[in-house]
Structures are given as C-alpha cells and as structure tokens.
C-alpha cells in the first residue's frame, strides 16, 4: 500500500484473545519509522509484532514513534514494551491520555466504576461479582507508559507526507482516525463488518452516542475515489461514506428498538431487562458492553425528550 509521495504502509496481524479477533497493526515504513497501534500486551502478540517487522527487514528497536488510535488494551498493550526497547515516542489523544500514561490508577478506578454502572442497571449481584473477577484478570494486557498528548488537527511529517490527526469521539472520548496520503487509519471508529461499542469505554460521560454519530459525519466527508480505509479490525475497504451511513443507521435503529421495547412493556424497565430483550445471551464481558450501550442510547433518548427515568427504571414519554 503506497502513494506516489508517501512511505509504504505495511500491515501486521496481531493475535488478540478478545472477541474482536485479530488486531490490525500498521507500519508506516518511512522516516521516522512509525507504528499505528500495537496490539495487546501478551507474549504471543509481542512475538507476532517482532516477526512481522522482521519479515519486512525492520525491528522493534528501530521504531521511532507509536501513534495510538485509542486507549483500549488491544490497541495500546505493547506500547510500553516498544518504548522500553527502542525509546520510541508514544502519542495518544489528550482525552485518552490518562488511560495510557496513568493506566494503573485508571484501572483501579475502572473496576468499581463498572460495578456501580451494573448495579444502576439492576444487574444481579452474582453476575456483577463474576464481572469483577473477569476485569481483574484483564489488567495484565497493558502496562502504563509515558505518552505525548494529541489534539484534532495535529500533524506529523513522515517521508515528506503529512499524517493528520482527526478526532472521532464515540467508542472512546479520545478516539482518533489518521489520514496519511490516500490511507485512512480508522482505528475502531469505522469497522467494515461490526459496529464499535458505544458506552463501555466512557462510563463517566454522557452523550457518547451523539458524539459518535457526529464523528461518522466528519469521517464520511473524507471519502474520495482513491481512499483506502485501514481499520483496527477486519479487512481494508474503500466505501467509507457508505459504511459510515450504515453504522449511523444501525445506531439510530438501535435507539428505536429500545424505545419500542419500552413502549410495549407493561411498565418501566431496567437497563438489564432491556438488554435481555435485545440480546438473548450476554456471556462474560458482553454483559458490560450491552448494559453500557443501552444506557448510552437511553441517555440520548432522554436528552431528545423521548424517554424518562427514575431509580434506574425507564419509560417512554
């Protein structure tokens, strides 16, 4: 993958034990040698990264900068290892910076936050306890590392071509896409076959669904005939505007489905009850993802004057 004036863009598949499957890590093989995301912090992922670089005549100790599309462990997990070996600078959007540079403290706060969120959703206590144990195990997938803060519109020069930071909040508040020549690194903002979760990455913030819809509009405007979209998971694609429209429709339909459930119910419902209607099975971490997404959509419906709530129970207006 190369444009006339840019460095080669290489793909390395990184094994990922999470349910999204393999993570796409990208190498901009130019000056400076740049990685976009890193993969999760496991020995298998580190081996895959090293082997992938070596297959192109590169090595971890030659990496000069790492740009992270957002703060989730499957994208940042090897950043500390890479920095330790090469001294590479690590960059992440300022809104996700705490989740990278202050990860230890954020994780200590995250587990109780998830438990409180699940209790507000009226999730049974035994399921909350299992989730607490699961989240404790997840801490091993990333180490905190010093990082520089990015903002929308920041640029990097790589082999004479500009790489531009595009802020796309939604999946997390600090999600970014990166435009480099005819390539768009879309992280988890625009995925080709699945929709990114909205809510679980930002349980302290309201309005994430609307932010995501606005981000889709921003990204769709980048469409051109030569653009190649390189997502965090799944194959590369070119129909960016069409895919953004599909994702936008998906989330608007999700909101309508939730309101329909409330409209047809015999009385106010909890988030846990609504999630149980939308998804018949909620194993493992899917429970947190589902309750957070339902909550985020309900927040939008409340802000739009279409729903109301009291003591964790919701109804349509």
C-alpha atoms as a PDB file:
ATOM      1  CA  UNK A   1       0.000   0.000   0.000  1.00  0.00           C
ATOM      2  CA  UNK A   2       1.742   3.148  -1.210  1.00  0.00           C
ATOM      3  CA  UNK A   3       1.007   6.507  -2.763  1.00  0.00           C
ATOM      4  CA  UNK A   4       3.436   8.337  -5.027  1.00  0.00           C
ATOM      5  CA  UNK A   5       4.737  10.645  -2.283  1.00  0.00           C
ATOM      6  CA  UNK A   6       4.322   8.573   0.857  1.00  0.00           C
ATOM      7  CA  UNK A   7       6.203   5.801   2.623  1.00  0.00           C
ATOM      8  CA  UNK A   8       4.990   2.220   2.328  1.00  0.00           C
ATOM      9  CA  UNK A   9       2.189   1.272   4.697  1.00  0.00           C
ATOM     10  CA  UNK A  10       2.540  -2.298   5.946  1.00  0.00           C
ATOM     11  CA  UNK A  11       0.045  -4.483   7.779  1.00  0.00           C
ATOM     12  CA  UNK A  12       0.872  -6.869  10.632  1.00  0.00           C
ATOM     13  CA  UNK A  13      -1.850  -9.054  12.101  1.00  0.00           C
ATOM     14  CA  UNK A  14      -1.562  -9.306  15.891  1.00  0.00           C
ATOM     15  CA  UNK A  15      -3.321 -12.176  17.715  1.00  0.00           C
ATOM     16  CA  UNK A  16      -5.975 -10.889  20.075  1.00  0.00           C
ATOM     17  CA  UNK A  17      -7.718 -13.049  22.704  1.00  0.00           C
ATOM     18  CA  UNK A  18     -10.624 -10.600  22.825  1.00  0.00           C
ATOM     19  CA  UNK A  19     -13.790 -11.298  20.865  1.00  0.00           C
ATOM     20  CA  UNK A  20     -12.941  -8.895  18.013  1.00  0.00           C
ATOM     21  CA  UNK A  21     -10.274 -11.358  16.889  1.00  0.00           C
ATOM     22  CA  UNK A  22      -7.016 -10.271  15.264  1.00  0.00           C
ATOM     23  CA  UNK A  23      -5.903  -6.670  15.626  1.00  0.00           C
ATOM     24  CA  UNK A  24      -4.569  -4.798  12.612  1.00  0.00           C
ATOM     25  CA  UNK A  25      -1.320  -3.043  13.415  1.00  0.00           C
ATOM     26  CA  UNK A  26       0.125  -0.800  10.734  1.00  0.00           C
ATOM     27  CA  UNK A  27       3.686   0.241   9.992  1.00  0.00           C
ATOM     28  CA  UNK A  28       4.482   3.416   8.115  1.00  0.00           C
ATOM     29  CA  UNK A  29       7.900   2.352   6.873  1.00  0.00           C
ATOM     30  CA  UNK A  30       9.318   5.817   6.465  1.00  0.00           C
ATOM     31  CA  UNK A  31      11.332   8.451   8.275  1.00  0.00           C
ATOM     32  CA  UNK A  32      10.568   8.303  11.153  1.00  0.00           C
ATOM     33  CA  UNK A  33       9.565   4.627  11.382  1.00  0.00           C
ATOM     34  CA  UNK A  34       6.027   4.776  12.758  1.00  0.00           C
ATOM     35  CA  UNK A  35       3.560   2.255  14.172  1.00  0.00           C
ATOM     36  CA  UNK A  36      -0.194   2.831  14.311  1.00  0.00           C
ATOM     37  CA  UNK A  37      -1.443   0.879  17.356  1.00  0.00           C
ATOM     38  CA  UNK A  38       0.498  -2.007  18.858  1.00  0.00           C
ATOM     39  CA  UNK A  39      -1.669  -4.980  19.748  1.00  0.00           C
ATOM     40  CA  UNK A  40      -2.481  -6.416  23.138  1.00  0.00           C
ATOM     41  CA  UNK A  41       0.192  -6.998  25.781  1.00  0.00           C
ATOM     42  CA  UNK A  42       0.718 -10.758  25.555  1.00  0.00           C
ATOM     43  CA  UNK A  43       3.863 -12.772  24.695  1.00  0.00           C
ATOM     44  CA  UNK A  44       2.109 -14.098  21.586  1.00  0.00           C
ATOM     45  CA  UNK A  45       1.324 -10.581  20.403  1.00  0.00           C
ATOM     46  CA  UNK A  46       4.887  -9.407  21.024  1.00  0.00           C
ATOM     47  CA  UNK A  47       6.253 -12.366  19.055  1.00  0.00           C
ATOM     48  CA  UNK A  48       3.876 -11.608  16.173  1.00  0.00           C
ATOM     49  CA  UNK A  49       4.929  -7.956  16.150  1.00  0.00           C
ATOM     50  CA  UNK A  50       8.632  -8.837  16.130  1.00  0.00           C
ATOM     51  CA  UNK A  51       8.190 -11.459  13.396  1.00  0.00           C
ATOM     52  CA  UNK A  52       6.061  -9.130  11.288  1.00  0.00           C
ATOM     53  CA  UNK A  53       8.628  -6.355  11.441  1.00  0.00           C
ATOM     54  CA  UNK A  54      11.479  -8.755  10.703  1.00  0.00           C
ATOM     55  CA  UNK A  55       9.662 -10.045   7.608  1.00  0.00           C
ATOM     56  CA  UNK A  56       9.998  -6.523   6.202  1.00  0.00           C
ATOM     57  CA  UNK A  57      13.612  -6.060   7.288  1.00  0.00           C
ATOM     58  CA  UNK A  58      12.620  -3.990  10.322  1.00  0.00           C
ATOM     59  CA  UNK A  59      12.858  -4.465  14.084  1.00  0.00           C
ATOM     60  CA  UNK A  60      11.266  -3.199  17.280  1.00  0.00           C
ATOM     61  CA  UNK A  61      14.418  -1.359  18.334  1.00  0.00           C
ATOM     62  CA  UNK A  62      14.232   0.783  15.171  1.00  0.00           C
ATOM     63  CA  UNK A  63      10.711   2.083  15.865  1.00  0.00           C
ATOM     64  CA  UNK A  64      10.786   5.852  16.417  1.00  0.00           C
ATOM     65  CA  UNK A  65       7.159   6.692  17.175  1.00  0.00           C
ATOM     66  CA  UNK A  66       3.913   4.934  18.072  1.00  0.00           C
ATOM     67  CA  UNK A  67       0.544   6.594  17.449  1.00  0.00           C
ATOM     68  CA  UNK A  68      -2.411   5.061  19.288  1.00  0.00           C
ATOM     69  CA  UNK A  69      -5.936   5.370  17.910  1.00  0.00           C
ATOM     70  CA  UNK A  70      -7.467   4.986  21.384  1.00  0.00           C
ATOM     71  CA  UNK A  71      -6.831   3.700  24.906  1.00  0.00           C
ATOM     72  CA  UNK A  72      -8.143   0.121  24.805  1.00  0.00           C
ATOM     73  CA  UNK A  73      -5.739  -2.664  25.750  1.00  0.00           C
ATOM     74  CA  UNK A  74      -5.851  -4.459  22.402  1.00  0.00           C
ATOM     75  CA  UNK A  75      -4.519  -1.269  20.779  1.00  0.00           C
ATOM     76  CA  UNK A  76      -2.050   0.003  23.419  1.00  0.00           C
ATOM     77  CA  UNK A  77      -0.901  -3.206  25.112  1.00  0.00           C
ATOM     78  CA  UNK A  78       2.610  -3.383  23.632  1.00  0.00           C
ATOM     79  CA  UNK A  79       3.354   0.353  23.686  1.00  0.00           C
ATOM     80  CA  UNK A  80       5.391   0.117  26.892  1.00  0.00           C
ATOM     81  CA  UNK A  81       7.432  -2.826  25.560  1.00  0.00           C
ATOM     82  CA  UNK A  82       8.175  -0.980  22.324  1.00  0.00           C
ATOM     83  CA  UNK A  83       9.167   2.182  24.164  1.00  0.00           C
ATOM     84  CA  UNK A  84      11.388   0.184  26.540  1.00  0.00           C
ATOM     85  CA  UNK A  85      13.254  -1.412  23.620  1.00  0.00           C
ATOM     86  CA  UNK A  86      13.509   1.495  21.203  1.00  0.00           C
ATOM     87  CA  UNK A  87      12.891   4.699  23.136  1.00  0.00           C
ATOM     88  CA  UNK A  88      10.048   5.465  20.726  1.00  0.00           C
ATOM     89  CA  UNK A  89       7.770   8.399  21.451  1.00  0.00           C
ATOM     90  CA  UNK A  90       4.177   7.332  22.169  1.00  0.00           C
ATOM     91  CA  UNK A  91       1.245   9.542  21.166  1.00  0.00           C
ATOM     92  CA  UNK A  92      -2.448   9.379  22.093  1.00  0.00           C
ATOM     93  CA  UNK A  93      -5.291  11.901  22.031  1.00  0.00           C
ATOM     94  CA  UNK A  94      -5.425  14.066  25.142  1.00  0.00           C
ATOM     95  CA  UNK A  95      -8.861  12.697  26.110  1.00  0.00           C
ATOM     96  CA  UNK A  96      -7.472   9.134  26.254  1.00  0.00           C
ATOM     97  CA  UNK A  97      -4.070  10.097  27.676  1.00  0.00           C
ATOM     98  CA  UNK A  98      -4.953   9.106  31.268  1.00  0.00           C
ATOM     99  CA  UNK A  99      -5.788   5.596  30.047  1.00  0.00           C
ATOM    100  CA  UNK A 100      -2.239   5.189  28.723  1.00  0.00           C
ATOM    101  CA  UNK A 101       0.093   7.330  30.840  1.00  0.00           C
ATOM    102  CA  UNK A 102      -1.833   6.860  34.099  1.00  0.00           C
ATOM    103  CA  UNK A 103      -3.218   3.395  33.406  1.00  0.00           C
ATOM    104  CA  UNK A 104      -2.570   1.911  36.854  1.00  0.00           C
ATOM    105  CA  UNK A 105      -4.696   4.492  38.640  1.00  0.00           C
ATOM    106  CA  UNK A 106      -7.382   4.459  35.946  1.00  0.00           C
ATOM    107  CA  UNK A 107      -7.701   0.674  36.199  1.00  0.00           C
ATOM    108  CA  UNK A 108      -8.094   0.840  39.970  1.00  0.00           C
ATOM    109  CA  UNK A 109     -10.979   3.257  39.405  1.00  0.00           C
ATOM    110  CA  UNK A 110     -12.431   1.376  36.422  1.00  0.00           C
ATOM    111  CA  UNK A 111     -13.423  -1.856  38.160  1.00  0.00           C
ATOM    112  CA  UNK A 112     -15.523  -0.125  40.870  1.00  0.00           C
ATOM    113  CA  UNK A 113     -16.989   2.144  38.176  1.00  0.00           C
ATOM    114  CA  UNK A 114     -18.148  -0.852  36.132  1.00  0.00           C
ATOM    115  CA  UNK A 115     -19.660  -2.445  39.231  1.00  0.00           C
ATOM    116  CA  UNK A 116     -21.564   0.751  40.064  1.00  0.00           C
ATOM    117  CA  UNK A 117     -22.801   1.015  36.487  1.00  0.00           C
ATOM    118  CA  UNK A 118     -24.025  -2.574  36.500  1.00  0.00           C
ATOM    119  CA  UNK A 119     -25.821  -2.042  39.812  1.00  0.00           C
ATOM    120  CA  UNK A 120     -27.572   1.024  38.394  1.00  0.00           C
ATOM    121  CA  UNK A 121     -28.669  -1.205  35.523  1.00  0.00           C
ATOM    122  CA  UNK A 122     -30.123  -3.648  38.118  1.00  0.00           C
ATOM    123  CA  UNK A 123     -27.787  -6.469  37.086  1.00  0.00           C
ATOM    124  CA  UNK A 124     -27.945  -9.364  39.596  1.00  0.00           C
ATOM    125  CA  UNK A 125     -25.187  -9.200  42.195  1.00  0.00           C
ATOM    126  CA  UNK A 126     -23.794 -12.644  41.372  1.00  0.00           C
ATOM    127  CA  UNK A 127     -23.192 -11.545  37.779  1.00  0.00           C
ATOM    128  CA  UNK A 128     -21.509  -8.357  38.970  1.00  0.00           C
ATOM    129  CA  UNK A 129     -19.136 -10.389  41.137  1.00  0.00           C
ATOM    130  CA  UNK A 130     -18.172 -12.576  38.172  1.00  0.00           C
ATOM    131  CA  UNK A 131     -17.575  -9.472  36.077  1.00  0.00           C
ATOM    132  CA  UNK A 132     -15.374  -8.011  38.809  1.00  0.00           C
ATOM    133  CA  UNK A 133     -13.188 -11.126  38.709  1.00  0.00           C
ATOM    134  CA  UNK A 134     -13.005 -11.005  34.906  1.00  0.00           C
ATOM    135  CA  UNK A 135     -11.934  -7.360  34.893  1.00  0.00           C
ATOM    136  CA  UNK A 136      -9.218  -8.095  37.426  1.00  0.00           C
ATOM    137  CA  UNK A 137      -7.655 -10.590  35.033  1.00  0.00           C
ATOM    138  CA  UNK A 138      -7.742  -8.049  32.191  1.00  0.00           C
ATOM    139  CA  UNK A 139      -5.192  -5.773  33.874  1.00  0.00           C
ATOM    140  CA  UNK A 140      -2.333  -7.930  32.611  1.00  0.00           C
ATOM    141  CA  UNK A 141      -2.952  -6.959  28.975  1.00  0.00           C
ATOM    142  CA  UNK A 142      -1.328  -3.500  29.120  1.00  0.00           C
ATOM    143  CA  UNK A 143       1.260  -1.510  31.072  1.00  0.00           C
ATOM    144  CA  UNK A 144       1.175   2.227  31.514  1.00  0.00           C
ATOM    145  CA  UNK A 145       3.775   4.218  29.619  1.00  0.00           C
ATOM    146  CA  UNK A 146       4.658   7.894  29.213  1.00  0.00           C
ATOM    147  CA  UNK A 147       2.850   9.439  26.244  1.00  0.00           C
ATOM    148  CA  UNK A 148       2.503  12.736  24.414  1.00  0.00           C
ATOM    149  CA  UNK A 149      -0.945  14.316  24.018  1.00  0.00           C
ATOM    150  CA  UNK A 150      -2.556  14.768  20.608  1.00  0.00           C
ATOM    151  CA  UNK A 151      -5.312  17.151  19.535  1.00  0.00           C
ATOM    152  CA  UNK A 152      -7.542  17.348  16.480  1.00  0.00           C
ATOM    153  CA  UNK A 153      -5.627  18.777  13.541  1.00  0.00           C
ATOM    154  CA  UNK A 154      -2.160  17.863  14.815  1.00  0.00           C
ATOM    155  CA  UNK A 155       0.167  16.683  12.057  1.00  0.00           C
ATOM    156  CA  UNK A 156       3.299  14.594  11.624  1.00  0.00           C
ATOM    157  CA  UNK A 157       5.674  14.629   8.668  1.00  0.00           C
ATOM    158  CA  UNK A 158       6.669  11.121   7.586  1.00  0.00           C
ATOM    159  CA  UNK A 159       8.884  10.802   4.496  1.00  0.00           C
ATOM    160  CA  UNK A 160       7.595  14.052   3.049  1.00  0.00           C
ATOM    161  CA  UNK A 161       3.900  13.218   3.523  1.00  0.00           C
ATOM    162  CA  UNK A 162       1.639  14.703   6.191  1.00  0.00           C
ATOM    163  CA  UNK A 163      -0.156  12.448   8.655  1.00  0.00           C
ATOM    164  CA  UNK A 164      -3.160  14.277  10.113  1.00  0.00           C
ATOM    165  CA  UNK A 165      -4.964  13.576  13.405  1.00  0.00           C
ATOM    166  CA  UNK A 166      -8.778  13.550  13.161  1.00  0.00           C
ATOM    167  CA  UNK A 167     -10.628  13.446  16.484  1.00  0.00           C
ATOM    168  CA  UNK A 168     -13.551  10.996  16.300  1.00  0.00           C
ATOM    169  CA  UNK A 169     -15.053  10.538  19.790  1.00  0.00           C
ATOM    170  CA  UNK A 170     -17.629   7.820  20.325  1.00  0.00           C
ATOM    171  CA  UNK A 171     -16.067   4.433  21.001  1.00  0.00           C
ATOM    172  CA  UNK A 172     -13.916   6.353  23.484  1.00  0.00           C
ATOM    173  CA  UNK A 173     -13.754  10.098  24.025  1.00  0.00           C
ATOM    174  CA  UNK A 174     -10.195  10.163  22.673  1.00  0.00           C
ATOM    175  CA  UNK A 175     -10.664   8.018  19.569  1.00  0.00           C
ATOM    176  CA  UNK A 176      -8.837   9.295  16.511  1.00  0.00           C
ATOM    177  CA  UNK A 177      -8.510   8.481  12.850  1.00  0.00           C
ATOM    178  CA  UNK A 178      -5.308   9.270  10.962  1.00  0.00           C
ATOM    179  CA  UNK A 179      -5.099  10.413   7.347  1.00  0.00           C
ATOM    180  CA  UNK A 180      -1.845   9.735   5.509  1.00  0.00           C
ATOM    181  CA  UNK A 181      -1.850  10.266   1.765  1.00  0.00           C
ATOM    182  CA  UNK A 182      -4.605   8.050   0.378  1.00  0.00           C
ATOM    183  CA  UNK A 183      -4.799   5.992   3.569  1.00  0.00           C
ATOM    184  CA  UNK A 184      -7.186   6.489   6.462  1.00  0.00           C
ATOM    185  CA  UNK A 185      -6.333   4.592   9.644  1.00  0.00           C
ATOM    186  CA  UNK A 186      -9.801   4.338  11.169  1.00  0.00           C
ATOM    187  CA  UNK A 187      -8.998   2.532  14.442  1.00  0.00           C
ATOM    188  CA  UNK A 188     -12.243   1.263  15.938  1.00  0.00           C
ATOM    189  CA  UNK A 189     -14.286   4.253  14.771  1.00  0.00           C
ATOM    190  CA  UNK A 190     -15.221   2.754  11.397  1.00  0.00           C
ATOM    191  CA  UNK A 191     -15.017  -1.033  11.136  1.00  0.00           C
ATOM    192  CA  UNK A 192     -16.011  -2.942   7.986  1.00  0.00           C
ATOM    193  CA  UNK A 193     -18.170  -5.720   9.445  1.00  0.00           C
ATOM    194  CA  UNK A 194     -19.055  -4.883  13.058  1.00  0.00           C
ATOM    195  CA  UNK A 195     -20.160  -1.808  14.969  1.00  0.00           C
ATOM    196  CA  UNK A 196     -17.907  -0.455  17.727  1.00  0.00           C
ATOM    197  CA  UNK A 197     -19.421  -0.496  21.191  1.00  0.00           C
ATOM    198  CA  UNK A 198     -20.599   2.872  22.461  1.00  0.00           C
ATOM    199  CA  UNK A 199     -20.700   3.419  26.212  1.00  0.00           C
ATOM    200  CA  UNK A 200     -18.405   0.888  27.852  1.00  0.00           C
ATOM    201  CA  UNK A 201     -15.300   2.935  27.090  1.00  0.00           C
ATOM    202  CA  UNK A 202     -16.658   6.119  28.673  1.00  0.00           C
ATOM    203  CA  UNK A 203     -18.931   5.317  31.605  1.00  0.00           C
ATOM    204  CA  UNK A 204     -18.343   8.723  33.202  1.00  0.00           C
ATOM    205  CA  UNK A 205     -19.534  10.691  30.165  1.00  0.00           C
ATOM    206  CA  UNK A 206     -22.978  11.382  28.762  1.00  0.00           C
ATOM    207  CA  UNK A 207     -23.715  11.967  25.110  1.00  0.00           C
ATOM    208  CA  UNK A 208     -21.385   9.381  23.576  1.00  0.00           C
ATOM    209  CA  UNK A 209     -23.929   8.139  21.017  1.00  0.00           C
ATOM    210  CA  UNK A 210     -24.440  11.628  19.601  1.00  0.00           C
ATOM    211  CA  UNK A 211     -20.680  12.225  19.591  1.00  0.00           C
ATOM    212  CA  UNK A 212     -20.233   9.010  17.619  1.00  0.00           C
ATOM    213  CA  UNK A 213     -22.902   9.989  15.089  1.00  0.00           C
ATOM    214  CA  UNK A 214     -21.205  13.368  14.645  1.00  0.00           C
ATOM    215  CA  UNK A 215     -17.833  11.627  14.204  1.00  0.00           C
ATOM    216  CA  UNK A 216     -19.273   9.421  11.465  1.00  0.00           C
ATOM    217  CA  UNK A 217     -20.382  12.540   9.590  1.00  0.00           C
ATOM    218  CA  UNK A 218     -16.906  14.042   9.993  1.00  0.00           C
ATOM    219  CA  UNK A 219     -15.186  10.916   8.701  1.00  0.00           C
ATOM    220  CA  UNK A 220     -17.629  10.297   5.839  1.00  0.00           C
ATOM    221  CA  UNK A 221     -16.698  13.703   4.424  1.00  0.00           C
ATOM    222  CA  UNK A 222     -13.162  12.382   3.799  1.00  0.00           C
ATOM    223  CA  UNK A 223     -14.370   9.953   1.117  1.00  0.00           C
ATOM    224  CA  UNK A 224     -12.633  10.143  -2.250  1.00  0.00           C
ATOM    225  CA  UNK A 225     -12.128   7.694  -5.103  1.00  0.00           C
ATOM    226  CA  UNK A 226      -8.550   6.838  -4.101  1.00  0.00           C
ATOM    227  CA  UNK A 227      -9.005   6.478  -0.341  1.00  0.00           C
ATOM    228  CA  UNK A 228      -8.175   3.147   1.313  1.00  0.00           C
ATOM    229  CA  UNK A 229      -9.542   2.675   4.833  1.00  0.00           C
ATOM    230  CA  UNK A 230      -7.354   0.631   7.186  1.00  0.00           C
ATOM    231  CA  UNK A 231      -9.444  -0.390  10.228  1.00  0.00           C
ATOM    232  CA  UNK A 232      -8.392  -1.688  13.627  1.00  0.00           C
ATOM    233  CA  UNK A 233     -10.149  -4.999  12.944  1.00  0.00           C
ATOM    234  CA  UNK A 234     -11.203  -6.630   9.689  1.00  0.00           C
ATOM    235  CA  UNK A 235     -10.188  -6.108   6.066  1.00  0.00           C
ATOM    236  CA  UNK A 236      -9.305  -2.849   4.363  1.00  0.00           C
ATOM    237  CA  UNK A 237     -12.140  -1.222   2.428  1.00  0.00           C
ATOM    238  CA  UNK A 238     -12.877   1.801   0.258  1.00  0.00           C
ATOM    239  CA  UNK A 239     -16.609   2.571   0.631  1.00  0.00           C
ATOM    240  CA  UNK A 240     -16.075   4.886   3.591  1.00  0.00           C
ATOM    241  CA  UNK A 241     -19.122   7.130   3.236  1.00  0.00           C
ATOM    242  CA  UNK A 242     -21.399   4.143   2.646  1.00  0.00           C
ATOM    243  CA  UNK A 243     -20.047   2.330   5.698  1.00  0.00           C
ATOM    244  CA  UNK A 244     -20.432   5.434   7.876  1.00  0.00           C
ATOM    245  CA  UNK A 245     -24.056   5.696   6.750  1.00  0.00           C
ATOM    246  CA  UNK A 246     -24.612   2.028   7.629  1.00  0.00           C
ATOM    247  CA  UNK A 247     -23.165   2.498  11.109  1.00  0.00           C
ATOM    248  CA  UNK A 248     -25.223   5.615  11.666  1.00  0.00           C
ATOM    249  CA  UNK A 249     -28.393   3.785  10.616  1.00  0.00           C
ATOM    250  CA  UNK A 250     -27.503   0.871  12.877  1.00  0.00           C
ATOM    251  CA  UNK A 251     -27.315   3.074  15.964  1.00  0.00           C
ATOM    252  CA  UNK A 252     -30.431   5.051  15.122  1.00  0.00           C
ATOM    253  CA  UNK A 253     -32.284   1.761  14.620  1.00  0.00           C
ATOM    254  CA  UNK A 254     -30.913   0.538  17.956  1.00  0.00           C
ATOM    255  CA  UNK A 255     -32.373   3.596  19.652  1.00  0.00           C
ATOM    256  CA  UNK A 256     -35.760   2.958  18.030  1.00  0.00           C
ATOM    257  CA  UNK A 257     -35.645  -0.705  19.050  1.00  0.00           C
ATOM    258  CA  UNK A 258     -35.046   0.278  22.685  1.00  0.00           C
ATOM    259  CA  UNK A 259     -37.905   2.767  22.630  1.00  0.00           C
ATOM    260  CA  UNK A 260     -40.175   0.142  21.046  1.00  0.00           C
ATOM    261  CA  UNK A 261     -39.340  -2.296  23.858  1.00  0.00           C
ATOM    262  CA  UNK A 262     -40.255   0.359  26.418  1.00  0.00           C
ATOM    263  CA  UNK A 263     -43.425   1.295  24.555  1.00  0.00           C
ATOM    264  CA  UNK A 264     -44.622  -2.317  24.502  1.00  0.00           C
ATOM    265  CA  UNK A 265     -43.717  -3.079  28.120  1.00  0.00           C
ATOM    266  CA  UNK A 266     -46.234  -3.249  30.959  1.00  0.00           C
ATOM    267  CA  UNK A 267     -44.304  -0.648  32.934  1.00  0.00           C
ATOM    268  CA  UNK A 268     -40.880   0.966  33.424  1.00  0.00           C
ATOM    269  CA  UNK A 269     -37.910  -1.292  32.674  1.00  0.00           C
ATOM    270  CA  UNK A 270     -34.317  -1.517  33.874  1.00  0.00           C
ATOM    271  CA  UNK A 271     -31.328  -1.422  31.548  1.00  0.00           C
ATOM    272  CA  UNK A 272     -30.636  -5.070  32.363  1.00  0.00           C
ATOM    273  CA  UNK A 273     -34.172  -6.034  31.350  1.00  0.00           C
ATOM    274  CA  UNK A 274     -33.937  -4.087  28.094  1.00  0.00           C
ATOM    275  CA  UNK A 275     -30.563  -5.641  27.263  1.00  0.00           C
ATOM    276  CA  UNK A 276     -32.035  -9.073  27.890  1.00  0.00           C
ATOM    277  CA  UNK A 277     -34.694  -8.419  25.241  1.00  0.00           C
ATOM    278  CA  UNK A 278     -32.215  -7.068  22.684  1.00  0.00           C
ATOM    279  CA  UNK A 279     -29.653  -9.831  23.224  1.00  0.00           C
ATOM    280  CA  UNK A 280     -30.885 -13.191  24.449  1.00  0.00           C
ATOM    281  CA  UNK A 281     -27.453 -14.179  25.784  1.00  0.00           C
ATOM    282  CA  UNK A 282     -24.951 -11.886  27.482  1.00  0.00           C
ATOM    283  CA  UNK A 283     -21.902 -14.002  28.356  1.00  0.00           C
ATOM    284  CA  UNK A 284     -18.807 -12.605  30.038  1.00  0.00           C
ATOM    285  CA  UNK A 285     -17.824  -9.056  29.190  1.00  0.00           C
ATOM    286  CA  UNK A 286     -20.710  -8.791  26.715  1.00  0.00           C
ATOM    287  CA  UNK A 287     -22.846  -8.030  29.778  1.00  0.00           C
ATOM    288  CA  UNK A 288     -20.903  -4.817  30.407  1.00  0.00           C
ATOM    289  CA  UNK A 289     -20.856  -3.874  26.720  1.00  0.00           C
ATOM    290  CA  UNK A 290     -24.604  -4.407  26.376  1.00  0.00           C
ATOM    291  CA  UNK A 291     -25.651  -2.534  29.504  1.00  0.00           C
ATOM    292  CA  UNK A 292     -23.322   0.369  28.696  1.00  0.00           C
ATOM    293  CA  UNK A 293     -24.619   0.651  25.137  1.00  0.00           C
ATOM    294  CA  UNK A 294     -28.272   0.526  26.204  1.00  0.00           C
ATOM    295  CA  UNK A 295     -27.543   3.177  28.831  1.00  0.00           C
ATOM    296  CA  UNK A 296     -25.874   5.424  26.240  1.00  0.00           C
ATOM    297  CA  UNK A 297     -28.824   5.149  23.872  1.00  0.00           C
ATOM    298  CA  UNK A 298     -31.268   5.861  26.688  1.00  0.00           C
ATOM    299  CA  UNK A 299     -29.273   8.978  27.604  1.00  0.00           C
ATOM    300  CA  UNK A 300     -29.719  10.219  24.039  1.00  0.00           C
ATOM    301  CA  UNK A 301     -33.451   9.450  24.140  1.00  0.00           C
ATOM    302  CA  UNK A 302     -33.769  11.370  27.424  1.00  0.00           C
ATOM    303  CA  UNK A 303     -31.799  14.309  26.016  1.00  0.00           C
ATOM    304  CA  UNK A 304     -34.092  14.262  22.964  1.00  0.00           C
ATOM    305  CA  UNK A 305     -37.188  14.285  25.191  1.00  0.00           C
ATOM    306  CA  UNK A 306     -38.319  10.802  24.171  1.00  0.00           C
ATOM    307  CA  UNK A 307     -37.775   8.901  27.427  1.00  0.00           C
ATOM    308  CA  UNK A 308     -37.592   9.449  31.176  1.00  0.00           C
ATOM    309  CA  UNK A 309     -36.234   7.542  34.161  1.00  0.00           C
ATOM    310  CA  UNK A 310     -36.305   7.244  37.916  1.00  0.00           C
ATOM    311  CA  UNK A 311     -34.297   4.956  40.199  1.00  0.00           C
ATOM    312  CA  UNK A 312     -32.790   3.059  37.274  1.00  0.00           C
ATOM    313  CA  UNK A 313     -36.111   2.384  35.514  1.00  0.00           C
ATOM    314  CA  UNK A 314     -37.021   3.865  32.156  1.00  0.00           C
ATOM    315  CA  UNK A 315     -40.179   4.602  30.196  1.00  0.00           C
ATOM    316  CA  UNK A 316     -41.160   6.406  27.013  1.00  0.00           C
ATOM    317  CA  UNK A 317     -42.703   9.856  27.000  1.00  0.00           C
END
